[in-house]
Structures are given as C-alpha cells and as structure tokens.
Amino acid sequence: MTHRQLLERLRAGDTGTFEQIFRDHYARLVTVAERLLADRGRSEDVAQDVLLELWRHRARLDPGLQLSAYLYRSVRNRALNQLRHDRVIREAEPRLDHGPLPPSADAALIEQELDAAIRAAVARLPERCREVFELSRVHHLSYAEIAGVMGITMKTVEAHMGKAIRTLRDLLAVWLREEG
C-alpha cells in the first residue's frame, strides 16, 4: 500500500489502517517522548494522545502529509509542552529553601533582575536555537539525544549551541562585566 493510499484509508475512517499505524509507530513515539520526559508512563500518554488526535482529526489530514514526520514532530512538541508546563508549575511553587537569608534586599532584587534578563535573552533566541539550548541546559540532554529528538545532525546541534551561547553572551554582557 502506498503512503497516499494509507492516508486515504485513514481519512475515510478505516479502523484497520489506524490500528496498523498505531502498531507501526507507537513504540518509537514512546521512545522519542521518553528521551525528553524521562518518564515511561508520561511518554506513553503523550504517544497515545498524539495518535488519538490523529484519529480524531483524520478527515482534515492533508493527503500529502508525511505521516511519520508529522507524528514524531507532534510527539516532540507535546513532550516539550509538558516540560514547559512542568517548569511553570515548579516556578509557581512556593520556595521552601531554608538556606541562609540574602544579605540584603538589594541582593534579592539583583537576583530577580538577572533571572528576568536571562529569561528574556533566551526568549530572544531563534526558535530552533532556543529549543536546542533548552534541551541541553534545562533538560540536560546530550547533543546526540538532542539530534535524535529533533531529527538534526550533531553538527547542527553544535552550531545552534554555539550561536545560542554567543548570542546570550552578547545580550547579557552588562551582567557579565566584572565590577572594578
């Protein structure tokens, strides 16, 4: 069966075709999600959600769609969205750090300003560059894992990281100056 025929059958609501797509892709989709989420259960949920959405929206699928690329991109995006959501939840949690108090209110204000400057600088990175940077620095993925998840070469990952670091260094230069 050709790729186009497969999509036509799926669009027509052929459950056997959907089951075949599910069997062919599910395990690999879980693996992609697990590389990002490091949680098998959540990764299975992500893969199932993406495949369920495929079934729900089957009638609207573009006949020229590259199904594998679509599924892997959807899983990656959904997993990244979960990671972003997790980060928002963590940042919203009350701080229970019982460590030493800051020496002054000025130090706390400076820390808040620096944190805001870093977030703003990262947000200004080009989208793919920012994704690579966050996967490396926030989610602690290796360059090889990033390349696999994003479907790019390790050289491209290295290029994006180099660009991100140079750009952040420029954007945060005022914070990197040594006091004299």
N, C-alpha and C. Protein backbone atom coordinates (compact mmCIF):
# COMPACT_ATOMS: atom_id res chain seq x y z
N MET A 1 0.85 -1.17 0.00
CA MET A 1 0.00 0.00 0.00
C MET A 1 0.90 1.24 0.00
N THR A 2 0.59 2.20 -0.86
CA THR A 2 1.39 3.42 -0.92
C THR A 2 1.05 4.32 0.25
N HIS A 3 1.92 5.28 0.45
CA HIS A 3 1.72 6.25 1.53
C HIS A 3 0.40 7.00 1.34
N ARG A 4 0.13 7.40 0.11
CA ARG A 4 -1.10 8.14 -0.21
C ARG A 4 -2.34 7.27 0.05
N GLN A 5 -2.28 6.00 -0.33
CA GLN A 5 -3.41 5.09 -0.10
C GLN A 5 -3.66 4.91 1.41
N LEU A 6 -2.57 4.82 2.16
CA LEU A 6 -2.68 4.68 3.61
C LEU A 6 -3.43 5.88 4.20
N LEU A 7 -3.03 7.07 3.77
CA LEU A 7 -3.69 8.28 4.28
C LEU A 7 -5.14 8.35 3.83
N GLU A 8 -5.42 7.94 2.59
CA GLU A 8 -6.80 7.96 2.10
C GLU A 8 -7.67 7.03 2.94
N ARG A 9 -7.16 5.85 3.25
CA ARG A 9 -7.93 4.92 4.08
C ARG A 9 -8.13 5.47 5.49
N LEU A 10 -7.09 6.07 6.03
CA LEU A 10 -7.22 6.67 7.37
C LEU A 10 -8.26 7.77 7.34
N ARG A 11 -8.17 8.64 6.35
CA ARG A 11 -9.13 9.75 6.23
C ARG A 11 -10.56 9.25 6.09
N ALA A 12 -10.73 8.09 5.46
CA ALA A 12 -12.06 7.50 5.26
C ALA A 12 -12.58 6.83 6.53
N GLY A 13 -11.73 6.72 7.56
CA GLY A 13 -12.18 6.14 8.82
C GLY A 13 -11.95 4.65 8.95
N ASP A 14 -11.02 4.11 8.18
CA ASP A 14 -10.70 2.68 8.24
C ASP A 14 -9.94 2.38 9.54
N THR A 15 -10.62 1.71 10.47
CA THR A 15 -10.00 1.43 11.77
C THR A 15 -8.82 0.48 11.65
N GLY A 16 -8.86 -0.43 10.69
CA GLY A 16 -7.74 -1.34 10.49
C GLY A 16 -6.47 -0.59 10.10
N THR A 17 -6.62 0.43 9.28
CA THR A 17 -5.47 1.25 8.88
C THR A 17 -4.93 2.01 10.10
N PHE A 18 -5.84 2.55 10.91
CA PHE A 18 -5.39 3.24 12.11
C PHE A 18 -4.65 2.29 13.05
N GLU A 19 -5.18 1.10 13.22
CA GLU A 19 -4.52 0.11 14.08
C GLU A 19 -3.13 -0.22 13.56
N GLN A 20 -2.99 -0.33 12.24
CA GLN A 20 -1.68 -0.60 11.65
C GLN A 20 -0.71 0.55 11.92
N ILE A 21 -1.18 1.78 11.74
CA ILE A 21 -0.35 2.96 12.03
C ILE A 21 0.06 2.94 13.49
N PHE A 22 -0.88 2.64 14.37
CA PHE A 22 -0.60 2.58 15.80
C PHE A 22 0.50 1.56 16.08
N ARG A 23 0.34 0.34 15.54
CA ARG A 23 1.34 -0.72 15.76
C ARG A 23 2.71 -0.33 15.19
N ASP A 24 2.71 0.30 14.03
CA ASP A 24 3.97 0.66 13.37
C ASP A 24 4.73 1.76 14.08
N HIS A 25 4.04 2.68 14.74
CA HIS A 25 4.69 3.89 15.24
C HIS A 25 4.72 4.02 16.77
N TYR A 26 3.82 3.36 17.46
CA TYR A 26 3.66 3.61 18.89
C TYR A 26 4.96 3.48 19.69
N ALA A 27 5.65 2.36 19.55
CA ALA A 27 6.86 2.13 20.37
C ALA A 27 7.91 3.20 20.13
N ARG A 28 8.11 3.57 18.88
CA ARG A 28 9.12 4.60 18.58
C ARG A 28 8.68 5.97 19.08
N LEU A 29 7.39 6.26 19.02
CA LEU A 29 6.90 7.54 19.53
C LEU A 29 7.09 7.62 21.05
N VAL A 30 6.86 6.51 21.73
CA VAL A 30 7.10 6.48 23.19
C VAL A 30 8.57 6.74 23.47
N THR A 31 9.46 6.14 22.69
CA THR A 31 10.91 6.33 22.89
C THR A 31 11.30 7.79 22.71
N VAL A 32 10.77 8.44 21.68
CA VAL A 32 11.07 9.86 21.44
C VAL A 32 10.61 10.70 22.63
N ALA A 33 9.41 10.46 23.10
CA ALA A 33 8.90 11.22 24.24
C ALA A 33 9.70 10.93 25.50
N GLU A 34 10.10 9.68 25.67
CA GLU A 34 10.83 9.31 26.88
C GLU A 34 12.21 9.95 26.94
N ARG A 35 12.82 10.18 25.78
CA ARG A 35 14.11 10.88 25.76
C ARG A 35 14.00 12.28 26.35
N LEU A 36 12.85 12.88 26.15
CA LEU A 36 12.63 14.23 26.68
C LEU A 36 12.09 14.21 28.10
N LEU A 37 11.12 13.37 28.35
CA LEU A 37 10.41 13.39 29.62
C LEU A 37 11.04 12.53 30.71
N ALA A 38 11.84 11.55 30.31
CA ALA A 38 12.48 10.63 31.26
C ALA A 38 11.45 9.99 32.19
N ASP A 39 10.28 9.69 31.65
CA ASP A 39 9.21 9.09 32.42
C ASP A 39 8.39 8.22 31.46
N ARG A 40 8.45 6.92 31.64
CA ARG A 40 7.81 5.99 30.71
C ARG A 40 6.29 6.19 30.66
N GLY A 41 5.67 6.33 31.80
CA GLY A 41 4.22 6.49 31.83
C GLY A 41 3.75 7.74 31.11
N ARG A 42 4.39 8.84 31.40
CA ARG A 42 4.03 10.10 30.73
C ARG A 42 4.32 10.02 29.24
N SER A 43 5.40 9.32 28.87
CA SER A 43 5.75 9.17 27.45
C SER A 43 4.70 8.35 26.72
N GLU A 44 4.21 7.30 27.36
CA GLU A 44 3.14 6.50 26.75
C GLU A 44 1.88 7.35 26.58
N ASP A 45 1.58 8.17 27.57
CA ASP A 45 0.42 9.06 27.47
C ASP A 45 0.56 10.02 26.29
N VAL A 46 1.75 10.59 26.13
CA VAL A 46 1.99 11.52 25.03
C VAL A 46 1.79 10.82 23.69
N ALA A 47 2.38 9.65 23.52
CA ALA A 47 2.24 8.92 22.26
C ALA A 47 0.78 8.57 21.99
N GLN A 48 0.07 8.11 23.01
CA GLN A 48 -1.34 7.78 22.84
C GLN A 48 -2.17 9.01 22.50
N ASP A 49 -1.88 10.12 23.15
CA ASP A 49 -2.62 11.36 22.87
C ASP A 49 -2.42 11.80 21.42
N VAL A 50 -1.18 11.73 20.94
CA VAL A 50 -0.90 12.14 19.56
C VAL A 50 -1.62 11.23 18.58
N LEU A 51 -1.59 9.93 18.82
CA LEU A 51 -2.27 9.00 17.92
C LEU A 51 -3.79 9.17 17.99
N LEU A 52 -4.31 9.45 19.17
CA LEU A 52 -5.74 9.70 19.31
C LEU A 52 -6.15 10.97 18.55
N GLU A 53 -5.34 12.00 18.65
CA GLU A 53 -5.61 13.24 17.90
C GLU A 53 -5.56 12.98 16.39
N LEU A 54 -4.65 12.13 15.95
CA LEU A 54 -4.58 11.76 14.54
C LEU A 54 -5.92 11.16 14.11
N TRP A 55 -6.44 10.24 14.92
CA TRP A 55 -7.71 9.60 14.59
C TRP A 55 -8.86 10.61 14.61
N ARG A 56 -8.89 11.45 15.64
CA ARG A 56 -9.98 12.44 15.76
C ARG A 56 -10.01 13.41 14.59
N HIS A 57 -8.84 13.78 14.09
CA HIS A 57 -8.75 14.80 13.04
C HIS A 57 -8.42 14.19 11.68
N ARG A 58 -8.66 12.89 11.53
CA ARG A 58 -8.28 12.18 10.31
C ARG A 58 -8.91 12.78 9.06
N ALA A 59 -10.14 13.26 9.14
CA ALA A 59 -10.83 13.78 7.96
C ALA A 59 -10.18 15.06 7.45
N ARG A 60 -9.46 15.75 8.32
CA ARG A 60 -8.83 17.02 7.93
C ARG A 60 -7.37 16.87 7.52
N LEU A 61 -6.86 15.65 7.50
CA LEU A 61 -5.45 15.44 7.16
C LEU A 61 -5.18 15.80 5.70
N ASP A 62 -4.08 16.45 5.48
CA ASP A 62 -3.62 16.78 4.13
C ASP A 62 -3.18 15.48 3.45
N PRO A 63 -3.70 15.19 2.25
CA PRO A 63 -3.32 13.95 1.57
C PRO A 63 -1.82 13.84 1.29
N GLY A 64 -1.12 14.95 1.25
CA GLY A 64 0.31 14.95 1.01
C GLY A 64 1.15 14.89 2.28
N LEU A 65 0.49 14.71 3.42
CA LEU A 65 1.16 14.69 4.72
C LEU A 65 2.19 13.57 4.80
N GLN A 66 3.37 13.89 5.33
CA GLN A 66 4.37 12.87 5.63
C GLN A 66 4.06 12.39 7.04
N LEU A 67 3.35 11.27 7.12
CA LEU A 67 2.79 10.80 8.38
C LEU A 67 3.84 10.61 9.47
N SER A 68 4.94 9.94 9.16
CA SER A 68 5.97 9.69 10.19
C SER A 68 6.51 11.00 10.74
N ALA A 69 6.85 11.93 9.86
CA ALA A 69 7.39 13.21 10.30
C ALA A 69 6.36 13.95 11.15
N TYR A 70 5.11 13.91 10.72
CA TYR A 70 4.04 14.57 11.47
C TYR A 70 3.92 13.98 12.88
N LEU A 71 3.92 12.65 12.97
CA LEU A 71 3.75 12.00 14.27
C LEU A 71 4.92 12.32 15.20
N TYR A 72 6.15 12.23 14.69
CA TYR A 72 7.32 12.47 15.54
C TYR A 72 7.39 13.93 15.96
N ARG A 73 7.08 14.84 15.05
CA ARG A 73 7.08 16.26 15.40
C ARG A 73 6.00 16.54 16.45
N SER A 74 4.83 15.92 16.30
CA SER A 74 3.74 16.12 17.26
C SER A 74 4.13 15.60 18.64
N VAL A 75 4.76 14.43 18.69
CA VAL A 75 5.18 13.88 19.98
C VAL A 75 6.23 14.77 20.62
N ARG A 76 7.20 15.20 19.83
CA ARG A 76 8.26 16.07 20.36
C ARG A 76 7.65 17.36 20.90
N ASN A 77 6.76 17.98 20.14
CA ASN A 77 6.15 19.23 20.57
C ASN A 77 5.31 19.04 21.83
N ARG A 78 4.55 17.95 21.88
CA ARG A 78 3.71 17.70 23.06
C ARG A 78 4.57 17.45 24.29
N ALA A 79 5.67 16.71 24.12
CA ALA A 79 6.58 16.45 25.25
C ALA A 79 7.24 17.75 25.70
N LEU A 80 7.67 18.58 24.76
CA LEU A 80 8.27 19.87 25.12
C LEU A 80 7.25 20.75 25.84
N ASN A 81 6.01 20.71 25.39
CA ASN A 81 4.96 21.48 26.08
C ASN A 81 4.78 20.99 27.51
N GLN A 82 4.86 19.68 27.72
CA GLN A 82 4.75 19.15 29.08
C GLN A 82 5.93 19.63 29.93
N LEU A 83 7.12 19.64 29.34
CA LEU A 83 8.28 20.12 30.10
C LEU A 83 8.13 21.59 30.46
N ARG A 84 7.63 22.38 29.51
CA ARG A 84 7.40 23.80 29.80
C ARG A 84 6.36 23.95 30.91
N HIS A 85 5.31 23.16 30.83
CA HIS A 85 4.27 23.21 31.86
C HIS A 85 4.85 22.82 33.22
N ASP A 86 5.68 21.77 33.24
CA ASP A 86 6.32 21.36 34.49
C ASP A 86 7.15 22.49 35.07
N ARG A 87 7.88 23.20 34.19
CA ARG A 87 8.72 24.30 34.66
C ARG A 87 7.87 25.42 35.24
N VAL A 88 6.75 25.73 34.59
CA VAL A 88 5.86 26.78 35.10
C VAL A 88 5.33 26.38 36.48
N ILE A 89 4.95 25.12 36.62
CA ILE A 89 4.45 24.65 37.92
C ILE A 89 5.54 24.75 38.98
N ARG A 90 6.76 24.31 38.63
CA ARG A 90 7.87 24.38 39.60
C ARG A 90 8.15 25.82 40.01
N GLU A 91 8.11 26.73 39.02
CA GLU A 91 8.41 28.12 39.34
C GLU A 91 7.30 28.77 40.16
N ALA A 92 6.09 28.23 40.05
CA ALA A 92 4.98 28.80 40.80
C ALA A 92 4.89 28.24 42.22
N GLU A 93 5.59 27.14 42.47
CA GLU A 93 5.56 26.56 43.81
C GLU A 93 6.25 27.49 44.79
N PRO A 94 5.73 27.55 45.99
CA PRO A 94 6.39 28.39 46.99
C PRO A 94 7.80 27.86 47.28
N ARG A 95 8.69 28.76 47.49
CA ARG A 95 10.07 28.38 47.78
C ARG A 95 10.18 27.95 49.23
N LEU A 96 10.69 26.76 49.43
CA LEU A 96 10.85 26.24 50.78
C LEU A 96 12.32 26.14 51.16
N ASP A 97 13.13 26.91 50.49
CA ASP A 97 14.56 26.89 50.76
C ASP A 97 14.80 27.55 52.11
N HIS A 98 15.32 26.77 53.03
CA HIS A 98 15.59 27.30 54.37
C HIS A 98 17.06 27.64 54.54
N GLY A 99 17.71 27.90 53.44
CA GLY A 99 19.12 28.26 53.48
C GLY A 99 19.32 29.65 54.05
N PRO A 100 20.53 30.16 53.99
CA PRO A 100 20.79 31.47 54.57
C PRO A 100 20.00 32.56 53.87
N LEU A 101 19.59 33.54 54.65
CA LEU A 101 18.86 34.66 54.08
C LEU A 101 19.81 35.53 53.27
N PRO A 102 19.29 36.17 52.23
CA PRO A 102 20.15 37.06 51.45
C PRO A 102 20.64 38.20 52.33
N PRO A 103 21.86 38.69 52.07
CA PRO A 103 22.41 39.73 52.92
C PRO A 103 21.61 41.02 52.90
N SER A 104 20.89 41.26 51.80
CA SER A 104 20.11 42.49 51.76
C SER A 104 19.01 42.36 50.72
N ALA A 105 18.09 43.28 50.80
CA ALA A 105 17.02 43.31 49.80
C ALA A 105 17.61 43.62 48.43
N ASP A 106 18.71 44.37 48.38
CA ASP A 106 19.35 44.70 47.11
C ASP A 106 19.82 43.43 46.39
N ALA A 107 20.39 42.52 47.13
CA ALA A 107 20.87 41.27 46.53
C ALA A 107 19.72 40.48 45.94
N ALA A 108 18.59 40.43 46.64
CA ALA A 108 17.42 39.71 46.13
C ALA A 108 16.89 40.38 44.87
N LEU A 109 16.88 41.70 44.86
CA LEU A 109 16.40 42.44 43.70
C LEU A 109 17.33 42.20 42.50
N ILE A 110 18.62 42.22 42.74
CA ILE A 110 19.59 41.98 41.68
C ILE A 110 19.41 40.56 41.11
N GLU A 111 19.19 39.60 42.00
CA GLU A 111 18.99 38.22 41.55
C GLU A 111 17.73 38.11 40.69
N GLN A 112 16.66 38.78 41.09
CA GLN A 112 15.42 38.77 40.31
C GLN A 112 15.64 39.42 38.94
N GLU A 113 16.36 40.53 38.93
CA GLU A 113 16.62 41.21 37.67
C GLU A 113 17.48 40.36 36.74
N LEU A 114 18.48 39.70 37.29
CA LEU A 114 19.33 38.82 36.50
C LEU A 114 18.53 37.66 35.93
N ASP A 115 17.69 37.06 36.76
CA ASP A 115 16.85 35.95 36.31
C ASP A 115 15.94 36.41 35.17
N ALA A 116 15.34 37.57 35.31
CA ALA A 116 14.46 38.10 34.25
C ALA A 116 15.26 38.39 32.98
N ALA A 117 16.47 38.90 33.13
CA ALA A 117 17.32 39.20 31.97
C ALA A 117 17.69 37.91 31.24
N ILE A 118 18.00 36.87 31.98
CA ILE A 118 18.35 35.58 31.36
C ILE A 118 17.16 35.02 30.61
N ARG A 119 15.98 35.02 31.25
CA ARG A 119 14.78 34.50 30.56
C ARG A 119 14.48 35.30 29.30
N ALA A 120 14.61 36.62 29.38
CA ALA A 120 14.34 37.46 28.21
C ALA A 120 15.36 37.19 27.10
N ALA A 121 16.62 37.00 27.47
CA ALA A 121 17.66 36.73 26.48
C ALA A 121 17.41 35.38 25.80
N VAL A 122 17.07 34.38 26.58
CA VAL A 122 16.78 33.05 26.00
C VAL A 122 15.56 33.15 25.07
N ALA A 123 14.56 33.91 25.47
CA ALA A 123 13.35 34.06 24.65
C ALA A 123 13.66 34.73 23.31
N ARG A 124 14.72 35.54 23.25
CA ARG A 124 15.08 36.23 22.01
C ARG A 124 15.86 35.36 21.04
N LEU A 125 16.28 34.18 21.47
CA LEU A 125 16.99 33.28 20.57
C LEU A 125 16.04 32.81 19.47
N PRO A 126 16.57 32.54 18.27
CA PRO A 126 15.73 31.95 17.23
C PRO A 126 15.13 30.63 17.75
N GLU A 127 13.95 30.28 17.26
CA GLU A 127 13.19 29.16 17.82
C GLU A 127 13.99 27.86 17.91
N ARG A 128 14.59 27.40 16.82
CA ARG A 128 15.33 26.13 16.83
C ARG A 128 16.55 26.23 17.75
N CYS A 129 17.20 27.36 17.72
CA CYS A 129 18.37 27.59 18.56
C CYS A 129 17.96 27.53 20.04
N ARG A 130 16.82 28.15 20.37
CA ARG A 130 16.32 28.15 21.74
C ARG A 130 15.94 26.72 22.16
N GLU A 131 15.30 25.96 21.26
CA GLU A 131 14.93 24.59 21.60
C GLU A 131 16.17 23.77 21.93
N VAL A 132 17.20 23.88 21.09
CA VAL A 132 18.44 23.13 21.33
C VAL A 132 19.04 23.55 22.66
N PHE A 133 19.12 24.85 22.91
CA PHE A 133 19.69 25.36 24.16
C PHE A 133 18.93 24.83 25.37
N GLU A 134 17.60 24.90 25.33
CA GLU A 134 16.80 24.45 26.47
C GLU A 134 16.90 22.94 26.68
N LEU A 135 16.93 22.18 25.58
CA LEU A 135 17.08 20.73 25.72
C LEU A 135 18.42 20.39 26.37
N SER A 136 19.45 21.17 26.05
CA SER A 136 20.77 20.92 26.61
C SER A 136 20.88 21.42 28.05
N ARG A 137 20.55 22.68 28.28
CA ARG A 137 20.82 23.30 29.57
C ARG A 137 19.71 23.13 30.60
N VAL A 138 18.47 23.04 30.16
CA VAL A 138 17.36 22.91 31.10
C VAL A 138 17.03 21.45 31.34
N HIS A 139 17.02 20.67 30.24
CA HIS A 139 16.58 19.28 30.34
C HIS A 139 17.75 18.30 30.34
N HIS A 140 18.97 18.82 30.24
CA HIS A 140 20.20 18.04 30.38
C HIS A 140 20.32 16.88 29.39
N LEU A 141 19.86 17.10 28.14
CA LEU A 141 20.03 16.08 27.12
C LEU A 141 21.41 16.24 26.49
N SER A 142 21.99 15.13 26.07
CA SER A 142 23.27 15.17 25.37
C SER A 142 23.04 15.68 23.95
N TYR A 143 24.11 16.09 23.28
CA TYR A 143 23.98 16.54 21.90
C TYR A 143 23.42 15.43 21.03
N ALA A 144 23.84 14.19 21.26
CA ALA A 144 23.34 13.06 20.48
C ALA A 144 21.84 12.88 20.71
N GLU A 145 21.39 13.00 21.95
CA GLU A 145 19.96 12.87 22.25
C GLU A 145 19.17 14.00 21.60
N ILE A 146 19.70 15.21 21.64
CA ILE A 146 19.03 16.35 21.02
C ILE A 146 18.91 16.12 19.52
N ALA A 147 19.99 15.66 18.92
CA ALA A 147 19.98 15.40 17.47
C ALA A 147 18.91 14.37 17.14
N GLY A 148 18.81 13.32 17.95
CA GLY A 148 17.81 12.28 17.70
C GLY A 148 16.39 12.79 17.87
N VAL A 149 16.15 13.54 18.92
CA VAL A 149 14.81 14.04 19.20
C VAL A 149 14.37 15.05 18.13
N MET A 150 15.27 15.92 17.72
CA MET A 150 14.91 16.97 16.79
C MET A 150 15.06 16.57 15.33
N GLY A 151 15.68 15.43 15.09
CA GLY A 151 15.87 14.98 13.72
C GLY A 151 16.89 15.81 12.96
N ILE A 152 17.94 16.24 13.67
CA ILE A 152 19.01 17.02 13.04
C ILE A 152 20.35 16.35 13.35
N THR A 153 21.41 16.80 12.69
CA THR A 153 22.72 16.21 12.93
C THR A 153 23.34 16.80 14.19
N MET A 154 24.34 16.09 14.71
CA MET A 154 25.05 16.62 15.89
C MET A 154 25.77 17.91 15.54
N LYS A 155 26.28 18.02 14.30
CA LYS A 155 26.94 19.27 13.88
C LYS A 155 25.96 20.43 13.94
N THR A 156 24.71 20.19 13.56
CA THR A 156 23.69 21.25 13.62
C THR A 156 23.40 21.61 15.08
N VAL A 157 23.35 20.60 15.94
CA VAL A 157 23.16 20.86 17.38
C VAL A 157 24.30 21.73 17.89
N GLU A 158 25.54 21.36 17.54
CA GLU A 158 26.71 22.14 17.97
C GLU A 158 26.64 23.56 17.45
N ALA A 159 26.21 23.72 16.20
CA ALA A 159 26.12 25.07 15.62
C ALA A 159 25.07 25.90 16.36
N HIS A 160 23.92 25.30 16.66
CA HIS A 160 22.87 26.02 17.39
C HIS A 160 23.35 26.39 18.79
N MET A 161 24.04 25.47 19.47
CA MET A 161 24.53 25.78 20.82
C MET A 161 25.57 26.90 20.77
N GLY A 162 26.47 26.84 19.81
CA GLY A 162 27.47 27.90 19.68
C GLY A 162 26.81 29.25 19.46
N LYS A 163 25.82 29.27 18.57
CA LYS A 163 25.11 30.52 18.30
C LYS A 163 24.37 30.99 19.55
N ALA A 164 23.73 30.07 20.27
CA ALA A 164 23.00 30.44 21.48
C ALA A 164 23.93 31.05 22.51
N ILE A 165 25.06 30.42 22.73
CA ILE A 165 25.99 30.92 23.75
C ILE A 165 26.56 32.28 23.35
N ARG A 166 26.93 32.45 22.08
CA ARG A 166 27.43 33.76 21.62
C ARG A 166 26.36 34.84 21.79
N THR A 167 25.14 34.51 21.38
CA THR A 167 24.05 35.48 21.47
C THR A 167 23.75 35.84 22.92
N LEU A 168 23.69 34.85 23.78
CA LEU A 168 23.42 35.11 25.20
C LEU A 168 24.55 35.92 25.83
N ARG A 169 25.77 35.61 25.45
CA ARG A 169 26.91 36.37 25.98
C ARG A 169 26.78 37.85 25.59
N ASP A 170 26.37 38.11 24.33
CA ASP A 170 26.18 39.49 23.88
C ASP A 170 25.01 40.17 24.60
N LEU A 171 23.88 39.45 24.69
CA LEU A 171 22.69 40.03 25.31
C LEU A 171 22.86 40.27 26.81
N LEU A 172 23.69 39.46 27.44
CA LEU A 172 23.88 39.56 28.89
C LEU A 172 25.21 40.21 29.26
N ALA A 173 25.84 40.87 28.31
CA ALA A 173 27.16 41.44 28.55
C ALA A 173 27.20 42.37 29.76
N VAL A 174 26.14 43.14 29.94
CA VAL A 174 26.11 44.07 31.06
C VAL A 174 26.16 43.32 32.40
N TRP A 175 25.64 42.11 32.44
CA TRP A 175 25.64 41.31 33.66
C TRP A 175 26.95 40.55 33.85
N LEU A 176 27.70 40.40 32.76
CA LEU A 176 28.94 39.62 32.82
C LEU A 176 30.17 40.48 33.13
N ARG A 177 30.01 41.79 33.07
CA ARG A 177 31.13 42.67 33.36
C ARG A 177 31.57 42.49 34.79
N GLU A 178 32.84 42.52 34.99
CA GLU A 178 33.37 42.47 36.37
C GLU A 178 33.36 43.87 36.95
N GLU A 179 32.97 43.93 38.18
CA GLU A 179 32.96 45.23 38.87
C GLU A 179 34.42 45.62 39.14
N GLY A 180 34.74 46.85 38.87
CA GLY A 180 36.12 47.26 39.05
C GLY A 180 36.35 48.23 40.11
